[in-house]
């Protein structure tokens, strides 16, 4: 099972999200077919009353045995429905890669 599918399944089960995107951004950082860099955009009422750090800790705990290997980088954008609507359903874009095989002079 792919890493992306594992992330999706775990988060769907635990968060009952209203919206969930797991985007493999590995192609921006390393070779094709890689599954090491991901962006997660999740909208869930599970996050009500939690600050950003608590939300990240919760998701990191769900993915604990994947973080480090095979996941090298994980961007988390975690919202309640009201927060997501206030953003007009627009997530932040990921920054350009500054390391690894894509680094200048690498």
C-alpha atoms as a PDB file:
ATOM      1  CA  UNK A   1       0.000   0.000   0.000  1.00  0.00           C
ATOM      2  CA  UNK A   2       1.364   3.418  -0.928  1.00  0.00           C
ATOM      3  CA  UNK A   3       2.417   5.889   1.772  1.00  0.00           C
ATOM      4  CA  UNK A   4      -0.154   8.368   0.457  1.00  0.00           C
ATOM      5  CA  UNK A   5      -2.933   5.771   0.853  1.00  0.00           C
ATOM      6  CA  UNK A   6      -1.779   4.927   4.375  1.00  0.00           C
ATOM      7  CA  UNK A   7      -1.930   8.604   5.351  1.00  0.00           C
ATOM      8  CA  UNK A   8      -5.401   9.000   3.816  1.00  0.00           C
ATOM      9  CA  UNK A   9      -6.810   5.928   5.535  1.00  0.00           C
ATOM     10  CA  UNK A  10      -5.461   6.801   8.974  1.00  0.00           C
ATOM     11  CA  UNK A  11      -6.650  10.398   8.857  1.00  0.00           C
ATOM     12  CA  UNK A  12     -10.075   9.528   7.433  1.00  0.00           C
ATOM     13  CA  UNK A  13     -10.651   7.014  10.210  1.00  0.00           C
ATOM     14  CA  UNK A  14      -9.467   9.230  13.081  1.00  0.00           C
ATOM     15  CA  UNK A  15     -10.636  12.679  11.979  1.00  0.00           C
ATOM     16  CA  UNK A  16     -13.922  12.034  10.121  1.00  0.00           C
ATOM     17  CA  UNK A  17     -12.909  14.965   7.907  1.00  0.00           C
ATOM     18  CA  UNK A  18     -15.321  17.154   6.004  1.00  0.00           C
ATOM     19  CA  UNK A  19     -12.493  17.553   3.495  1.00  0.00           C
ATOM     20  CA  UNK A  20      -9.136  15.816   3.226  1.00  0.00           C
ATOM     21  CA  UNK A  21      -6.349  16.158   0.687  1.00  0.00           C
ATOM     22  CA  UNK A  22      -3.057  14.304   0.894  1.00  0.00           C
ATOM     23  CA  UNK A  23      -0.740  15.657  -1.761  1.00  0.00           C
ATOM     24  CA  UNK A  24       2.504  13.918  -2.645  1.00  0.00           C
ATOM     25  CA  UNK A  25       5.000  16.734  -3.225  1.00  0.00           C
ATOM     26  CA  UNK A  26       8.023  14.450  -3.462  1.00  0.00           C
ATOM     27  CA  UNK A  27       8.557  15.253  -7.141  1.00  0.00           C
ATOM     28  CA  UNK A  28       9.507  18.799  -6.089  1.00  0.00           C
ATOM     29  CA  UNK A  29      12.273  17.494  -3.849  1.00  0.00           C
ATOM     30  CA  UNK A  30      13.603  14.184  -5.104  1.00  0.00           C
ATOM     31  CA  UNK A  31      13.281  11.715  -7.927  1.00  0.00           C
ATOM     32  CA  UNK A  32      10.054  10.574  -9.616  1.00  0.00           C
ATOM     33  CA  UNK A  33       8.057   7.853  -7.879  1.00  0.00           C
ATOM     34  CA  UNK A  34       9.290   8.937  -4.465  1.00  0.00           C
ATOM     35  CA  UNK A  35       6.930   9.125  -1.466  1.00  0.00           C
ATOM     36  CA  UNK A  36       8.795  11.242   1.067  1.00  0.00           C
ATOM     37  CA  UNK A  37       7.249  14.742   1.051  1.00  0.00           C
ATOM     38  CA  UNK A  38       3.542  15.316   1.688  1.00  0.00           C
ATOM     39  CA  UNK A  39       1.116  18.144   2.258  1.00  0.00           C
ATOM     40  CA  UNK A  40      -2.054  17.381   4.228  1.00  0.00           C
ATOM     41  CA  UNK A  41      -5.028  19.735   4.119  1.00  0.00           C
ATOM     42  CA  UNK A  42      -7.714  18.555   6.528  1.00  0.00           C
ATOM     43  CA  UNK A  43     -10.979  20.139   7.591  1.00  0.00           C
ATOM     44  CA  UNK A  44     -12.509  18.481  10.640  1.00  0.00           C
ATOM     45  CA  UNK A  45     -14.653  19.426  13.587  1.00  0.00           C
ATOM     46  CA  UNK A  46     -12.304  17.249  15.682  1.00  0.00           C
ATOM     47  CA  UNK A  47     -10.059  20.332  15.702  1.00  0.00           C
ATOM     48  CA  UNK A  48     -12.642  22.541  17.470  1.00  0.00           C
ATOM     49  CA  UNK A  49     -11.126  24.109  20.593  1.00  0.00           C
ATOM     50  CA  UNK A  50      -7.595  22.947  19.722  1.00  0.00           C
ATOM     51  CA  UNK A  51      -4.748  25.310  18.959  1.00  0.00           C
ATOM     52  CA  UNK A  52      -2.465  24.739  15.996  1.00  0.00           C
ATOM     53  CA  UNK A  53       0.188  22.910  18.012  1.00  0.00           C
ATOM     54  CA  UNK A  54      -2.372  20.474  19.468  1.00  0.00           C
ATOM     55  CA  UNK A  55      -3.739  19.741  16.003  1.00  0.00           C
ATOM     56  CA  UNK A  56      -0.267  19.031  14.636  1.00  0.00           C
ATOM     57  CA  UNK A  57       0.564  16.783  17.583  1.00  0.00           C
ATOM     58  CA  UNK A  58      -2.638  14.830  17.032  1.00  0.00           C
ATOM     59  CA  UNK A  59      -1.915  14.217  13.348  1.00  0.00           C
ATOM     60  CA  UNK A  60       1.770  13.483  13.988  1.00  0.00           C
ATOM     61  CA  UNK A  61       0.731  10.846  16.547  1.00  0.00           C
ATOM     62  CA  UNK A  62      -1.550   9.212  13.972  1.00  0.00           C
ATOM     63  CA  UNK A  63       1.344   9.004  11.501  1.00  0.00           C
ATOM     64  CA  UNK A  64       4.084   8.352  14.056  1.00  0.00           C
ATOM     65  CA  UNK A  65       5.495   5.160  12.557  1.00  0.00           C
ATOM     66  CA  UNK A  66       5.684   6.745   9.074  1.00  0.00           C
ATOM     67  CA  UNK A  67       7.435   9.977  10.084  1.00  0.00           C
ATOM     68  CA  UNK A  68      11.194   9.791   9.610  1.00  0.00           C
ATOM     69  CA  UNK A  69      10.941   6.800   7.321  1.00  0.00           C
ATOM     70  CA  UNK A  70       9.417   6.878   4.766  1.00  0.00           C
ATOM     71  CA  UNK A  71       8.049  10.411   5.370  1.00  0.00           C
ATOM     72  CA  UNK A  72      10.841  12.973   5.328  1.00  0.00           C
ATOM     73  CA  UNK A  73       8.704  16.146   5.280  1.00  0.00           C
ATOM     74  CA  UNK A  74       5.084  16.711   6.248  1.00  0.00           C
ATOM     75  CA  UNK A  75       3.240  20.000   5.795  1.00  0.00           C
ATOM     76  CA  UNK A  76       0.018  20.190   7.815  1.00  0.00           C
ATOM     77  CA  UNK A  77      -2.802  22.655   7.215  1.00  0.00           C
ATOM     78  CA  UNK A  78      -5.538  21.733   9.678  1.00  0.00           C
ATOM     79  CA  UNK A  79      -8.806  23.644   9.950  1.00  0.00           C
ATOM     80  CA  UNK A  80     -12.282  23.575  11.405  1.00  0.00           C
ATOM     81  CA  UNK A  81     -15.093  24.099   8.925  1.00  0.00           C
ATOM     82  CA  UNK A  82     -15.525  27.749  10.003  1.00  0.00           C
ATOM     83  CA  UNK A  83     -11.783  28.430   9.610  1.00  0.00           C
ATOM     84  CA  UNK A  84     -11.737  26.802   6.174  1.00  0.00           C
ATOM     85  CA  UNK A  85     -14.752  28.820   5.040  1.00  0.00           C
ATOM     86  CA  UNK A  86     -13.110  32.024   6.336  1.00  0.00           C
ATOM     87  CA  UNK A  87     -10.139  31.200   4.065  1.00  0.00           C
ATOM     88  CA  UNK A  88     -12.565  30.650   1.164  1.00  0.00           C
ATOM     89  CA  UNK A  89     -11.248  27.101   0.891  1.00  0.00           C
ATOM     90  CA  UNK A  90      -7.759  28.204  -0.104  1.00  0.00           C
ATOM     91  CA  UNK A  91      -4.686  26.463   1.292  1.00  0.00           C
ATOM     92  CA  UNK A  92      -1.187  27.906   1.490  1.00  0.00           C
ATOM     93  CA  UNK A  93       1.203  26.992  -1.309  1.00  0.00           C
ATOM     94  CA  UNK A  94       4.273  24.991  -0.447  1.00  0.00           C
ATOM     95  CA  UNK A  95       7.651  26.729  -0.511  1.00  0.00           C
ATOM     96  CA  UNK A  96      10.209  25.816  -3.139  1.00  0.00           C
ATOM     97  CA  UNK A  97      12.621  23.050  -2.226  1.00  0.00           C
ATOM     98  CA  UNK A  98      15.896  24.337  -0.780  1.00  0.00           C
ATOM     99  CA  UNK A  99      17.726  21.087  -0.156  1.00  0.00           C
ATOM    100  CA  UNK A 100      18.363  17.552  -1.257  1.00  0.00           C
ATOM    101  CA  UNK A 101      19.046  16.758  -4.884  1.00  0.00           C
ATOM    102  CA  UNK A 102      17.345  20.005  -5.974  1.00  0.00           C
ATOM    103  CA  UNK A 103      19.730  22.256  -4.014  1.00  0.00           C
ATOM    104  CA  UNK A 104      21.967  24.624  -5.934  1.00  0.00           C
ATOM    105  CA  UNK A 105      25.368  23.040  -6.304  1.00  0.00           C
ATOM    106  CA  UNK A 106      24.166  19.591  -5.222  1.00  0.00           C
END
